[in-house]
N, C-alpha and C. Protein backbone atom coordinates (compact mmCIF):
# COMPACT_ATOMS: atom_id res chain seq x y z
N MET A 1 130.00 207.92 163.67
CA MET A 1 129.47 208.10 164.22
C MET A 1 129.54 209.51 164.24
N MET A 2 128.38 210.95 163.82
CA MET A 2 128.03 211.95 164.08
C MET A 2 128.55 212.70 165.04
N ASP A 3 129.42 213.10 164.87
CA ASP A 3 129.57 214.63 165.67
C ASP A 3 128.85 215.45 166.20
N LEU A 4 128.09 215.19 167.18
CA LEU A 4 127.51 216.21 167.62
C LEU A 4 127.82 217.39 168.38
N ARG A 5 129.84 218.02 168.21
CA ARG A 5 130.10 218.36 169.24
C ARG A 5 129.81 220.28 168.47
N PRO A 6 128.86 221.60 169.08
CA PRO A 6 129.48 222.63 168.24
C PRO A 6 130.89 222.47 167.31
N SER A 7 130.75 223.30 166.32
CA SER A 7 131.74 223.37 165.69
C SER A 7 132.84 225.45 166.17
N ARG A 8 133.65 225.09 165.78
CA ARG A 8 134.69 226.13 165.94
C ARG A 8 133.85 227.24 165.55
N THR A 9 133.45 227.38 163.90
CA THR A 9 132.15 228.44 163.25
C THR A 9 131.17 228.86 164.42
N PHE A 10 129.79 227.72 164.71
CA PHE A 10 129.37 227.84 165.66
C PHE A 10 129.58 228.77 166.64
N LYS A 11 130.69 228.48 167.92
CA LYS A 11 131.05 228.66 169.18
C LYS A 11 130.95 230.07 168.47
N PHE A 12 131.76 230.65 167.60
CA PHE A 12 132.34 232.05 167.53
C PHE A 12 131.53 232.22 166.63
N LEU A 13 130.08 232.27 166.62
CA LEU A 13 129.05 233.25 165.93
C LEU A 13 128.04 232.89 167.16
N GLN A 14 128.63 231.97 168.06
CA GLN A 14 127.86 232.87 169.07
C GLN A 14 128.06 233.49 169.65
N ILE A 15 129.41 233.74 170.30
CA ILE A 15 130.18 234.89 171.15
C ILE A 15 130.26 236.26 170.17
N ALA A 16 129.87 236.43 168.67
CA ALA A 16 129.47 237.21 168.05
C ALA A 16 127.99 237.96 168.50
N SER A 17 127.49 237.53 168.54
CA SER A 17 125.80 237.07 168.50
C SER A 17 125.60 237.59 170.18
N PHE A 18 126.29 237.57 171.27
CA PHE A 18 126.29 237.65 172.51
C PHE A 18 127.09 239.17 172.43
N THR A 19 127.88 239.87 172.09
CA THR A 19 128.54 240.70 171.92
C THR A 19 127.82 242.26 171.20
N LEU A 20 127.10 241.13 170.12
CA LEU A 20 126.38 242.17 169.77
C LEU A 20 124.62 242.63 170.44
N LEU A 21 124.77 241.64 170.77
CA LEU A 21 123.46 241.84 171.81
C LEU A 21 124.14 242.61 173.51
N LEU A 22 124.87 243.28 173.82
CA LEU A 22 125.23 243.88 174.43
C LEU A 22 126.07 245.59 173.78
N PHE A 23 126.57 245.19 172.50
CA PHE A 23 126.87 246.45 171.79
C PHE A 23 126.38 246.09 170.55
N PRO A 24 125.13 246.34 170.06
CA PRO A 24 124.07 245.83 169.24
C PRO A 24 124.70 247.02 167.67
N SER A 25 125.37 248.37 168.05
CA SER A 25 126.12 248.59 166.86
C SER A 25 126.94 248.91 166.60
N LEU A 26 127.82 247.32 166.75
CA LEU A 26 129.27 247.39 166.40
C LEU A 26 128.95 245.99 165.86
N ALA A 27 130.28 246.56 164.64
CA ALA A 27 130.04 245.71 163.26
C ALA A 27 131.72 244.51 164.65
N PHE A 28 131.19 243.55 164.45
CA PHE A 28 132.26 242.55 165.52
C PHE A 28 133.76 242.75 165.10
N GLY A 29 134.28 242.78 166.40
CA GLY A 29 136.12 243.17 165.50
C GLY A 29 136.29 244.62 165.97
N GLN A 30 134.85 245.10 166.34
CA GLN A 30 135.43 246.78 166.37
C GLN A 30 136.02 247.27 167.29
N GLN A 31 136.89 248.29 167.45
CA GLN A 31 137.02 248.77 168.28
C GLN A 31 136.41 248.86 169.95
N ILE A 32 136.42 248.42 171.08
CA ILE A 32 134.96 249.67 172.00
C ILE A 32 135.94 250.41 172.99
N ILE A 33 137.52 250.87 172.58
CA ILE A 33 138.25 251.38 173.50
C ILE A 33 139.73 252.17 172.89
N GLN A 34 139.66 253.09 172.82
CA GLN A 34 140.99 253.86 172.36
C GLN A 34 141.96 254.76 172.90
N ARG A 35 143.11 254.21 172.45
CA ARG A 35 144.16 254.41 173.41
C ARG A 35 144.68 255.76 173.31
N GLY A 36 145.53 256.65 174.00
CA GLY A 36 146.69 257.29 174.73
C GLY A 36 147.61 256.79 174.42
N PRO A 37 148.06 258.08 174.87
CA PRO A 37 150.30 257.77 176.11
C PRO A 37 149.26 257.06 176.75
N PHE A 38 150.89 256.06 176.72
CA PHE A 38 150.91 254.76 177.97
C PHE A 38 149.92 253.88 177.73
N GLY A 39 148.94 253.96 177.06
CA GLY A 39 148.11 252.69 176.62
C GLY A 39 146.64 253.46 177.22
N LYS A 40 146.78 254.70 178.13
CA LYS A 40 145.79 254.77 178.35
C LYS A 40 144.39 254.80 178.01
N PRO A 41 143.16 254.47 178.20
CA PRO A 41 142.16 255.49 177.90
C PRO A 41 141.37 256.20 177.49
N THR A 42 140.97 256.90 176.14
CA THR A 42 141.16 258.13 175.89
C THR A 42 139.46 258.02 175.72
N GLN A 43 139.02 257.26 174.86
CA GLN A 43 137.21 256.98 174.81
C GLN A 43 136.91 255.65 175.04
N VAL A 44 135.69 255.19 175.78
CA VAL A 44 134.94 253.78 175.72
C VAL A 44 133.74 253.66 175.25
N PHE A 45 133.39 252.70 174.70
CA PHE A 45 132.17 252.52 174.48
C PHE A 45 131.25 252.06 175.07
N ASP A 46 129.98 252.90 175.43
CA ASP A 46 129.33 252.44 176.98
C ASP A 46 128.00 251.74 176.38
N GLU A 47 127.36 251.58 177.53
CA GLU A 47 125.43 251.09 176.57
C GLU A 47 124.59 251.86 175.94
N THR A 48 125.31 252.93 176.00
CA THR A 48 124.33 253.97 174.73
C THR A 48 125.16 253.71 173.38
N GLN A 49 125.87 252.90 173.05
CA GLN A 49 126.29 252.43 172.29
C GLN A 49 127.85 254.06 171.84
N GLN A 50 127.19 255.01 172.72
CA GLN A 50 128.03 256.41 171.94
C GLN A 50 129.69 255.67 172.98
N TRP A 51 130.39 257.02 172.13
CA TRP A 51 132.06 256.53 172.54
C TRP A 51 132.20 257.85 173.20
N THR A 52 132.39 257.61 174.46
CA THR A 52 132.93 258.67 175.96
C THR A 52 134.03 258.75 177.00
N THR A 53 134.37 260.16 177.09
CA THR A 53 135.62 260.17 177.41
C THR A 53 135.46 259.27 178.96
N PRO A 54 136.12 258.25 179.67
CA PRO A 54 136.25 257.30 180.63
C PRO A 54 136.78 258.41 181.97
N LEU A 55 136.15 257.97 183.44
CA LEU A 55 136.63 258.26 184.06
C LEU A 55 137.25 256.81 184.98
N LEU A 56 138.52 257.67 185.73
CA LEU A 56 139.38 256.48 186.43
C LEU A 56 138.69 256.49 188.30
N VAL A 57 138.53 255.54 187.91
CA VAL A 57 137.98 255.22 189.43
C VAL A 57 138.43 253.98 190.26
N SER A 58 139.47 253.45 190.30
CA SER A 58 140.10 252.96 191.05
C SER A 58 140.89 252.80 190.62
N SER A 59 142.68 252.42 191.46
CA SER A 59 143.91 252.12 191.20
C SER A 59 144.15 251.63 191.90
N ASP A 60 145.60 250.53 191.17
CA ASP A 60 146.21 249.93 192.15
C ASP A 60 147.93 249.98 191.58
N ASP A 61 148.65 249.41 192.03
CA ASP A 61 149.90 248.75 191.51
C ASP A 61 149.94 247.82 189.68
N LYS A 62 148.71 247.05 190.11
CA LYS A 62 148.81 246.22 189.07
C LYS A 62 147.53 246.83 187.68
N VAL A 63 145.95 247.47 188.77
CA VAL A 63 145.36 247.87 187.10
C VAL A 63 144.60 249.86 187.57
N GLU A 64 144.34 250.02 186.63
CA GLU A 64 143.34 250.79 186.63
C GLU A 64 142.23 251.06 186.12
N ILE A 65 140.79 250.76 187.08
CA ILE A 65 140.45 250.86 186.47
C ILE A 65 138.96 251.97 186.12
N TYR A 66 139.13 252.24 185.26
CA TYR A 66 137.61 253.47 184.80
C TYR A 66 136.14 252.68 184.06
N ILE A 67 136.05 254.03 184.04
CA ILE A 67 133.90 253.69 183.54
C ILE A 67 133.73 254.77 182.64
N PRO A 68 132.65 254.30 182.12
CA PRO A 68 131.73 254.81 181.34
C PRO A 68 131.88 257.28 181.80
N ASP A 69 131.54 257.58 181.03
CA ASP A 69 131.16 258.72 181.82
C ASP A 69 129.85 258.90 181.67
N VAL A 70 129.08 258.41 183.19
CA VAL A 70 128.17 258.32 184.12
C VAL A 70 127.00 260.19 183.71
N THR A 71 127.66 260.80 183.92
CA THR A 71 127.14 262.21 184.46
C THR A 71 126.32 262.83 182.08
N ALA A 72 126.97 261.82 181.83
CA ALA A 72 126.23 261.75 180.54
C ALA A 72 124.94 261.64 180.21
N THR A 73 124.04 262.53 179.63
CA THR A 73 122.63 262.33 179.47
C THR A 73 122.09 261.34 179.00
N ASP A 74 122.85 260.51 178.21
CA ASP A 74 122.41 259.25 177.70
C ASP A 74 122.24 258.70 178.61
N TRP A 75 123.22 258.60 178.86
CA TRP A 75 123.25 256.79 180.28
C TRP A 75 122.24 257.63 180.70
N LEU A 76 122.68 258.64 181.99
CA LEU A 76 121.49 258.30 183.14
C LEU A 76 120.29 258.23 182.40
N ALA A 77 119.66 258.56 181.30
CA ALA A 77 118.34 258.34 180.53
C ALA A 77 117.67 256.58 180.53
N ARG A 78 119.22 256.17 180.14
CA ARG A 78 119.08 255.00 179.97
C ARG A 78 119.15 254.26 181.58
N ASN A 79 119.45 254.47 182.42
CA ASN A 79 119.37 253.91 183.83
C ASN A 79 119.21 254.47 184.34
N TYR A 80 117.56 255.30 184.56
CA TYR A 80 117.22 256.10 185.40
C TYR A 80 115.61 255.16 185.53
N PRO A 81 115.18 254.26 184.70
CA PRO A 81 113.87 253.62 185.26
C PRO A 81 114.15 252.65 186.41
N ASP A 82 115.48 252.33 186.34
CA ASP A 82 115.84 250.99 186.41
C ASP A 82 116.60 251.57 188.39
N PHE A 83 116.96 252.42 188.67
CA PHE A 83 117.60 252.96 189.06
C PHE A 83 116.34 253.47 190.57
N GLN A 84 116.00 254.12 190.12
CA GLN A 84 114.20 254.88 190.57
C GLN A 84 114.03 253.90 191.33
N ASN A 85 113.18 252.61 190.08
CA ASN A 85 112.39 251.86 190.83
C ASN A 85 112.90 250.30 191.17
N GLN A 86 113.92 250.03 190.96
CA GLN A 86 114.28 249.04 191.64
C GLN A 86 116.20 249.24 192.45
N GLY A 87 116.60 250.52 192.24
CA GLY A 87 118.02 250.41 192.86
C GLY A 87 119.38 250.18 192.61
N THR A 88 118.77 249.88 190.95
CA THR A 88 120.13 249.38 190.00
C THR A 88 120.64 249.82 188.91
N TYR A 89 121.60 249.66 188.55
CA TYR A 89 122.18 250.64 187.11
C TYR A 89 123.26 249.23 186.50
N THR A 90 123.63 249.49 185.32
CA THR A 90 123.90 248.50 184.09
C THR A 90 125.24 249.26 183.73
N LEU A 91 126.75 249.00 183.95
CA LEU A 91 127.37 249.74 183.83
C LEU A 91 128.38 249.04 182.96
N SER A 92 129.50 249.28 182.39
CA SER A 92 130.71 249.01 181.51
C SER A 92 131.72 249.11 182.30
N ILE A 93 133.09 248.50 182.56
CA ILE A 93 133.59 248.27 184.28
C ILE A 93 135.18 247.90 182.78
N TYR A 94 136.19 248.70 182.41
CA TYR A 94 137.30 248.91 181.73
C TYR A 94 138.70 248.76 182.75
N SER A 95 139.22 247.80 182.77
CA SER A 95 140.45 247.54 184.12
C SER A 95 141.89 247.55 182.35
N MET A 96 142.89 248.32 182.98
CA MET A 96 143.53 248.45 181.77
C MET A 96 145.34 247.81 182.89
N TYR A 97 145.40 247.21 182.51
CA TYR A 97 146.57 246.11 183.13
C TYR A 97 147.82 247.45 182.85
N LYS A 98 148.28 247.06 184.22
CA LYS A 98 149.94 248.14 183.90
C LYS A 98 151.22 246.95 183.19
N SER A 99 150.73 245.65 183.13
CA SER A 99 151.78 244.92 182.76
C SER A 99 151.28 243.47 182.82
N VAL A 100 152.57 242.73 181.60
CA VAL A 100 151.79 241.97 181.20
C VAL A 100 151.94 240.35 182.80
N GLN A 101 152.91 240.89 183.60
CA GLN A 101 152.20 240.37 184.65
C GLN A 101 150.89 240.45 184.95
N ALA A 102 150.01 240.89 185.31
CA ALA A 102 148.86 242.16 185.48
C ALA A 102 148.22 241.51 185.68
N CYS A 103 148.10 240.89 183.82
CA CYS A 103 147.42 240.72 183.30
C CYS A 103 147.30 238.56 183.53
N ARG A 104 148.45 238.10 183.91
CA ARG A 104 148.87 236.77 183.88
C ARG A 104 148.33 236.69 185.03
N GLU A 105 148.29 237.47 185.77
CA GLU A 105 147.61 236.95 187.68
C GLU A 105 146.24 237.25 187.49
N ASN A 106 145.63 237.73 186.72
CA ASN A 106 143.59 237.88 186.50
C ASN A 106 144.05 236.68 186.53
N PHE A 107 144.55 235.79 185.27
CA PHE A 107 144.05 234.99 184.53
C PHE A 107 144.06 233.74 185.73
N VAL A 108 145.38 234.00 186.58
CA VAL A 108 145.64 232.73 187.67
C VAL A 108 144.57 232.88 188.45
N THR A 109 143.56 233.62 188.69
CA THR A 109 142.20 234.15 189.45
C THR A 109 141.17 233.76 188.98
N LEU A 110 141.22 234.12 187.93
CA LEU A 110 140.55 233.57 187.15
C LEU A 110 139.73 232.14 186.68
N GLY A 111 141.05 231.24 187.07
CA GLY A 111 141.66 230.11 187.21
C GLY A 111 142.13 229.01 185.94
N GLN A 112 142.39 230.26 185.26
CA GLN A 112 143.03 230.31 183.66
C GLN A 112 144.56 230.31 183.35
N GLY A 113 145.12 229.64 184.30
CA GLY A 113 146.79 229.82 184.47
C GLY A 113 146.96 228.83 183.78
N ASP A 114 147.05 228.18 182.24
CA ASP A 114 147.20 227.41 181.25
C ASP A 114 148.62 228.68 180.50
N ALA A 115 149.67 227.54 180.10
CA ALA A 115 149.98 228.19 179.25
C ALA A 115 149.66 228.98 178.24
N SER A 116 148.69 228.25 177.68
CA SER A 116 148.69 229.75 176.26
C SER A 116 147.70 230.75 176.78
N HIS A 117 147.07 230.95 178.02
CA HIS A 117 146.71 231.96 178.36
C HIS A 117 147.71 233.19 179.18
N MET A 118 148.74 232.12 179.86
CA MET A 118 149.81 233.37 180.44
C MET A 118 150.65 233.97 178.63
N ASP A 119 150.57 233.11 178.06
CA ASP A 119 151.62 234.03 176.43
C ASP A 119 150.22 234.33 176.14
N SER A 120 148.75 234.37 176.08
CA SER A 120 148.78 236.30 174.99
C SER A 120 148.46 236.79 175.90
N CYS A 121 148.95 237.42 177.04
CA CYS A 121 149.22 237.99 177.72
C CYS A 121 149.67 238.99 176.97
N THR A 122 150.37 238.88 176.31
CA THR A 122 151.88 239.81 175.42
C THR A 122 150.78 240.48 174.89
N ASP A 123 149.29 240.42 174.09
CA ASP A 123 148.60 240.93 173.16
C ASP A 123 147.56 241.32 173.66
N ILE A 124 147.56 241.39 174.80
CA ILE A 124 145.96 241.63 175.74
C ILE A 124 146.50 242.99 176.42
N GLY A 125 145.62 244.29 176.91
CA GLY A 125 145.89 245.15 177.48
C GLY A 125 144.87 245.64 178.03
N TYR A 126 143.67 245.47 177.97
CA TYR A 126 141.75 245.46 178.97
C TYR A 126 141.87 244.44 179.09
N ARG A 127 140.70 244.09 180.45
CA ARG A 127 140.04 243.16 179.86
C ARG A 127 138.63 244.15 181.07
N VAL A 128 137.48 243.99 180.21
CA VAL A 128 136.10 244.71 179.86
C VAL A 128 134.80 243.80 180.85
N ARG A 129 134.28 244.13 181.67
CA ARG A 129 133.23 243.62 182.07
C ARG A 129 132.18 244.87 182.31
N GLN A 130 130.76 243.84 181.40
CA GLN A 130 129.25 244.90 181.90
C GLN A 130 128.93 243.97 183.47
N VAL A 131 128.26 245.02 184.28
CA VAL A 131 127.54 244.65 185.42
C VAL A 131 126.20 245.24 185.56
N THR A 132 124.94 244.48 186.34
CA THR A 132 124.17 244.93 186.75
C THR A 132 124.60 245.07 188.56
N VAL A 133 124.50 246.67 188.90
CA VAL A 133 125.37 246.82 190.54
C VAL A 133 123.89 247.29 190.84
N ASP A 134 123.46 246.23 192.18
CA ASP A 134 122.25 246.60 193.32
C ASP A 134 122.46 247.22 194.53
N LEU A 135 122.25 248.65 194.56
CA LEU A 135 122.64 249.17 195.89
C LEU A 135 122.25 248.56 196.92
N SER A 136 120.21 248.43 197.10
CA SER A 136 119.82 247.85 198.09
C SER A 136 120.33 246.41 198.84
N GLN A 137 121.51 245.86 197.50
CA GLN A 137 121.40 244.14 198.08
C GLN A 137 123.23 244.05 198.43
N LYS A 138 123.09 246.06 198.05
CA LYS A 138 124.55 246.11 197.70
C LYS A 138 125.46 244.61 196.94
N SER A 139 125.12 244.27 196.02
CA SER A 139 125.41 243.00 195.08
C SER A 139 126.41 243.89 193.91
N VAL A 140 126.70 243.08 193.06
CA VAL A 140 126.42 243.25 191.81
C VAL A 140 126.90 241.83 191.12
N GLN A 141 126.26 241.42 189.92
CA GLN A 141 125.80 240.72 188.86
C GLN A 141 127.46 240.88 187.59
N LEU A 142 127.85 239.84 187.53
CA LEU A 142 128.51 240.15 185.74
C LEU A 142 127.21 239.83 184.83
N LEU A 143 127.20 240.66 184.04
CA LEU A 143 126.53 240.11 183.14
C LEU A 143 127.90 239.25 181.81
N PHE A 144 128.73 239.99 181.33
CA PHE A 144 129.66 239.65 180.10
C PHE A 144 131.34 239.67 180.81
N ALA A 145 131.94 239.19 180.16
CA ALA A 145 133.60 239.68 181.02
C ALA A 145 133.45 239.34 179.22
N ALA A 146 135.51 240.33 178.69
CA ALA A 146 135.70 239.40 177.65
C ALA A 146 137.57 240.59 177.96
N MET A 147 138.54 239.52 177.38
CA MET A 147 139.42 240.47 177.09
C MET A 147 139.30 241.36 175.93
N VAL A 148 140.65 242.64 176.04
CA VAL A 148 140.55 243.01 174.60
C VAL A 148 141.99 243.37 174.39
N ASP A 149 142.13 243.13 173.43
CA ASP A 149 143.71 243.70 172.63
C ASP A 149 144.56 245.40 172.70
N GLN A 150 145.64 245.18 172.24
CA GLN A 150 146.40 246.33 172.64
C GLN A 150 145.23 247.98 172.25
N ASP A 151 145.01 246.93 170.66
CA ASP A 151 144.18 247.90 169.58
C ASP A 151 142.96 248.54 170.15
N GLY A 152 142.15 247.57 171.62
CA GLY A 152 141.50 247.62 172.34
C GLY A 152 139.65 247.10 171.25
N THR A 153 140.32 245.96 171.14
CA THR A 153 138.85 245.31 170.55
C THR A 153 139.24 243.65 170.88
N ILE A 154 137.81 244.11 171.71
CA ILE A 154 136.95 242.21 172.02
C ILE A 154 138.07 241.29 171.58
N ILE A 155 138.81 239.95 172.13
CA ILE A 155 139.25 239.16 172.01
C ILE A 155 137.91 237.88 171.90
N PRO A 156 137.61 237.24 170.41
CA PRO A 156 136.53 236.20 170.56
C PRO A 156 136.65 235.41 171.42
N ALA A 157 137.74 235.07 172.03
CA ALA A 157 137.71 233.02 172.44
C ALA A 157 137.77 233.83 173.73
N SER A 158 138.38 235.09 174.20
CA SER A 158 137.53 235.21 175.96
C SER A 158 136.60 235.65 176.48
N VAL A 159 135.77 235.73 174.70
CA VAL A 159 133.97 236.01 175.31
C VAL A 159 133.70 234.97 176.88
N GLN A 160 133.43 236.18 177.71
CA GLN A 160 132.62 235.13 178.75
C GLN A 160 131.26 235.51 179.25
N GLN A 161 130.29 234.34 179.14
CA GLN A 161 128.81 235.16 179.72
C GLN A 161 128.82 234.32 180.82
N SER A 162 127.82 235.01 181.40
CA SER A 162 128.07 234.59 183.33
C SER A 162 126.98 235.59 183.65
N SER A 163 126.53 235.23 184.79
CA SER A 163 125.24 235.48 185.62
C SER A 163 126.36 235.73 187.19
N THR A 164 127.39 235.87 187.09
CA THR A 164 127.61 235.22 188.50
C THR A 164 127.89 236.70 189.35
N PHE A 165 126.66 236.08 189.93
CA PHE A 165 126.64 237.24 191.58
C PHE A 165 127.39 237.35 192.99
N ARG A 166 128.27 239.18 193.09
CA ARG A 166 128.82 239.15 194.62
C ARG A 166 128.21 239.45 194.94
N THR A 167 128.50 240.08 196.38
CA THR A 167 128.79 240.86 197.60
C THR A 167 129.81 241.96 197.27
N TRP A 168 129.48 243.27 197.67
CA TRP A 168 130.25 244.11 196.97
C TRP A 168 131.20 244.01 198.11
N ASP A 169 131.50 242.88 199.61
CA ASP A 169 133.01 242.73 200.38
C ASP A 169 133.49 241.11 199.43
N GLN A 170 133.04 240.50 198.76
CA GLN A 170 133.28 239.34 198.12
C GLN A 170 134.24 239.71 197.14
N LEU A 171 134.04 241.53 196.89
CA LEU A 171 135.00 241.70 195.42
C LEU A 171 136.80 241.98 195.76
N ASP A 172 137.42 241.78 195.32
CA ASP A 172 138.60 242.45 195.18
C ASP A 172 138.96 243.74 195.95
N ALA A 173 139.83 244.70 196.53
CA ALA A 173 139.79 245.56 197.12
C ALA A 173 139.69 246.90 196.05
N THR A 174 140.37 246.76 195.09
CA THR A 174 140.99 248.18 194.23
C THR A 174 139.12 247.46 193.59
N THR A 175 138.11 246.73 192.97
CA THR A 175 137.28 246.53 192.31
C THR A 175 135.92 248.05 193.60
N GLN A 176 136.07 247.23 194.08
CA GLN A 176 135.56 247.80 195.67
C GLN A 176 135.39 249.43 195.48
N LYS A 177 137.12 249.63 195.54
CA LYS A 177 136.87 251.00 195.56
C LYS A 177 136.02 251.45 194.49
N ALA A 178 136.59 250.51 193.12
CA ALA A 178 135.63 251.67 191.79
C ALA A 178 133.74 251.94 192.51
N ILE A 179 133.34 250.60 192.87
CA ILE A 179 132.27 250.70 192.55
C ILE A 179 131.61 251.87 193.79
N GLN A 180 132.41 251.31 194.69
CA GLN A 180 131.68 252.58 195.84
C GLN A 180 131.84 253.70 195.44
N LYS A 181 133.12 254.47 194.43
CA LYS A 181 133.00 255.61 193.76
C LYS A 181 131.78 255.65 192.62
N THR A 182 131.60 255.05 191.77
CA THR A 182 130.91 255.03 191.26
C THR A 182 129.67 255.01 191.59
N ASN A 183 129.58 254.60 192.79
CA ASN A 183 127.94 254.21 192.99
C ASN A 183 127.40 256.40 193.86
N GLU A 184 128.01 256.34 194.41
CA GLU A 184 128.44 258.20 194.95
C GLU A 184 127.75 259.01 194.08
N LEU A 185 128.52 258.63 192.87
CA LEU A 185 128.39 259.86 191.46
C LEU A 185 127.54 259.26 190.85
N VAL A 186 127.16 257.79 190.67
CA VAL A 186 125.93 257.22 189.80
C VAL A 186 124.24 258.72 191.09
N ALA A 187 124.59 258.47 191.97
CA ALA A 187 123.46 258.93 193.11
C ALA A 187 123.51 260.20 193.02
N GLN A 188 124.20 260.98 192.30
CA GLN A 188 124.75 262.80 192.46
C GLN A 188 123.96 262.73 191.65
N GLN A 189 124.94 261.89 190.28
CA GLN A 189 124.09 262.62 189.31
C GLN A 189 122.46 262.19 188.66
N MET A 190 121.66 260.91 189.21
CA MET A 190 121.12 260.55 189.31
C MET A 190 119.49 261.69 190.07
N LYS A 191 120.14 262.45 191.24
CA LYS A 191 119.50 263.22 191.93
C LYS A 191 119.64 264.10 190.47
N ARG A 192 120.05 265.49 190.48
CA ARG A 192 120.38 266.00 189.41
C ARG A 192 119.30 265.65 188.25
N TYR A 193 119.73 264.64 187.74
CA TYR A 193 118.74 264.09 186.52
C TYR A 193 117.06 264.12 187.08
N ASP A 194 116.85 263.94 187.99
CA ASP A 194 116.05 263.59 188.48
C ASP A 194 114.94 265.28 188.44
N ALA A 195 115.20 266.08 188.80
CA ALA A 195 115.80 267.14 189.64
C ALA A 195 114.62 268.12 188.02
N ARG A 196 116.23 267.43 186.95
CA ARG A 196 115.69 268.61 185.61
C ARG A 196 113.86 267.65 185.22
N ILE A 197 114.15 266.68 184.93
CA ILE A 197 112.87 265.77 184.59
C ILE A 197 111.81 266.86 185.53
N GLN A 198 111.56 266.58 186.90
CA GLN A 198 111.29 267.72 187.92
C GLN A 198 110.56 268.73 186.60
N SER A 199 111.65 269.46 187.14
CA SER A 199 111.00 270.71 186.64
C SER A 199 110.67 270.92 184.82
N THR A 200 110.72 270.15 183.96
CA THR A 200 110.18 270.18 183.25
C THR A 200 108.93 269.93 183.10
N HIS A 201 108.46 268.27 183.76
CA HIS A 201 107.35 268.05 183.85
C HIS A 201 106.68 269.46 184.96
N ASN A 202 107.22 269.51 185.24
CA ASN A 202 106.30 271.10 186.35
C ASN A 202 106.86 272.14 185.97
N PRO A 203 106.77 272.56 184.96
CA PRO A 203 107.05 273.92 184.45
C PRO A 203 107.12 275.17 186.11
N PRO A 204 107.95 276.04 186.71
CA PRO A 204 106.99 277.45 186.68
C PRO A 204 106.17 278.16 186.67
N ARG A 205 105.27 278.25 187.61
CA ARG A 205 104.27 278.93 186.57
C ARG A 205 104.60 280.53 186.57
N THR A 206 104.25 281.22 185.76
CA THR A 206 104.67 282.23 185.04
C THR A 206 104.38 283.44 186.16
N ALA A 207 104.59 284.48 186.90
CA ALA A 207 103.89 285.57 187.98
C ALA A 207 102.53 286.39 187.20
N THR A 208 101.94 286.86 187.74
CA THR A 208 100.70 287.48 186.73
C THR A 208 101.35 288.96 187.09
N PRO A 209 101.54 289.95 185.99
CA PRO A 209 101.83 291.27 186.93
C PRO A 209 100.75 291.40 187.40
N ARG A 210 101.33 292.63 188.05
CA ARG A 210 99.91 293.62 188.96
C ARG A 210 99.63 294.22 187.86
N SER A 211 98.65 294.99 188.51
CA SER A 211 98.03 295.83 187.46
C SER A 211 98.87 297.28 188.15
N THR A 212 98.53 298.34 187.23
CA THR A 212 98.90 299.49 187.87
C THR A 212 97.50 300.83 188.27
N PRO A 213 98.13 300.82 189.86
CA PRO A 213 96.98 301.72 190.35
C PRO A 213 96.17 302.80 189.37
N ARG A 214 95.04 303.13 189.53
CA ARG A 214 94.89 304.44 189.13
C ARG A 214 94.93 305.68 189.41
N THR A 215 95.11 306.81 188.79
CA THR A 215 94.93 307.67 189.95
C THR A 215 93.82 308.39 189.53
N ALA A 216 93.05 308.80 190.58
CA ALA A 216 92.43 309.47 191.56
C ALA A 216 92.34 310.90 190.07
N PRO A 217 91.22 311.21 189.54
CA PRO A 217 91.88 313.02 188.59
C PRO A 217 91.49 313.27 189.68
N GLN A 218 92.56 314.53 188.90
CA GLN A 218 92.60 316.40 190.29
C GLN A 218 91.23 317.39 189.90
């Protein structure tokens, strides 16, 4: 009987296609994180296909959570329509594991506590998640998640395509803090970006110079 199960090659191509959908300019296997001292990210790849300086938004004894630079004009321009019309924005979240044990504990919470996943943590430095944040519903929808190796490259076998929905109070405390801080920063930056757009569309009128009154002849 013919084996109708997807081949490993087909599964790999599905994963590659989905990753390229989110990061279309990436050749599969290219870095999305550039590491600095102590493994901390110095540059991350954002939704606009740009390298950007990450912002630390939350930390505990296990992970540090970073986001792309949401003050960047390209990022604001991409998210501005959804933010103004729907109160949403799309964001990549980068979690840096402070230890191998932190990675293993994360796998356990994901229901993947088998030996192969535990052993893989020696090669894993980060986890990336792309989410849509909804301010009105106070929720987060997970679009994509993957483990990232020590060199900052997505690990193909770990890619998770998902539409998981969580309200903010269902997130762990460190992620809640990251989302809340990000919301404040994004709202502030969107307000400034909107003011810039409005000033561009409605430039101030140039004052008409007053005429100098003529002096009556003596």
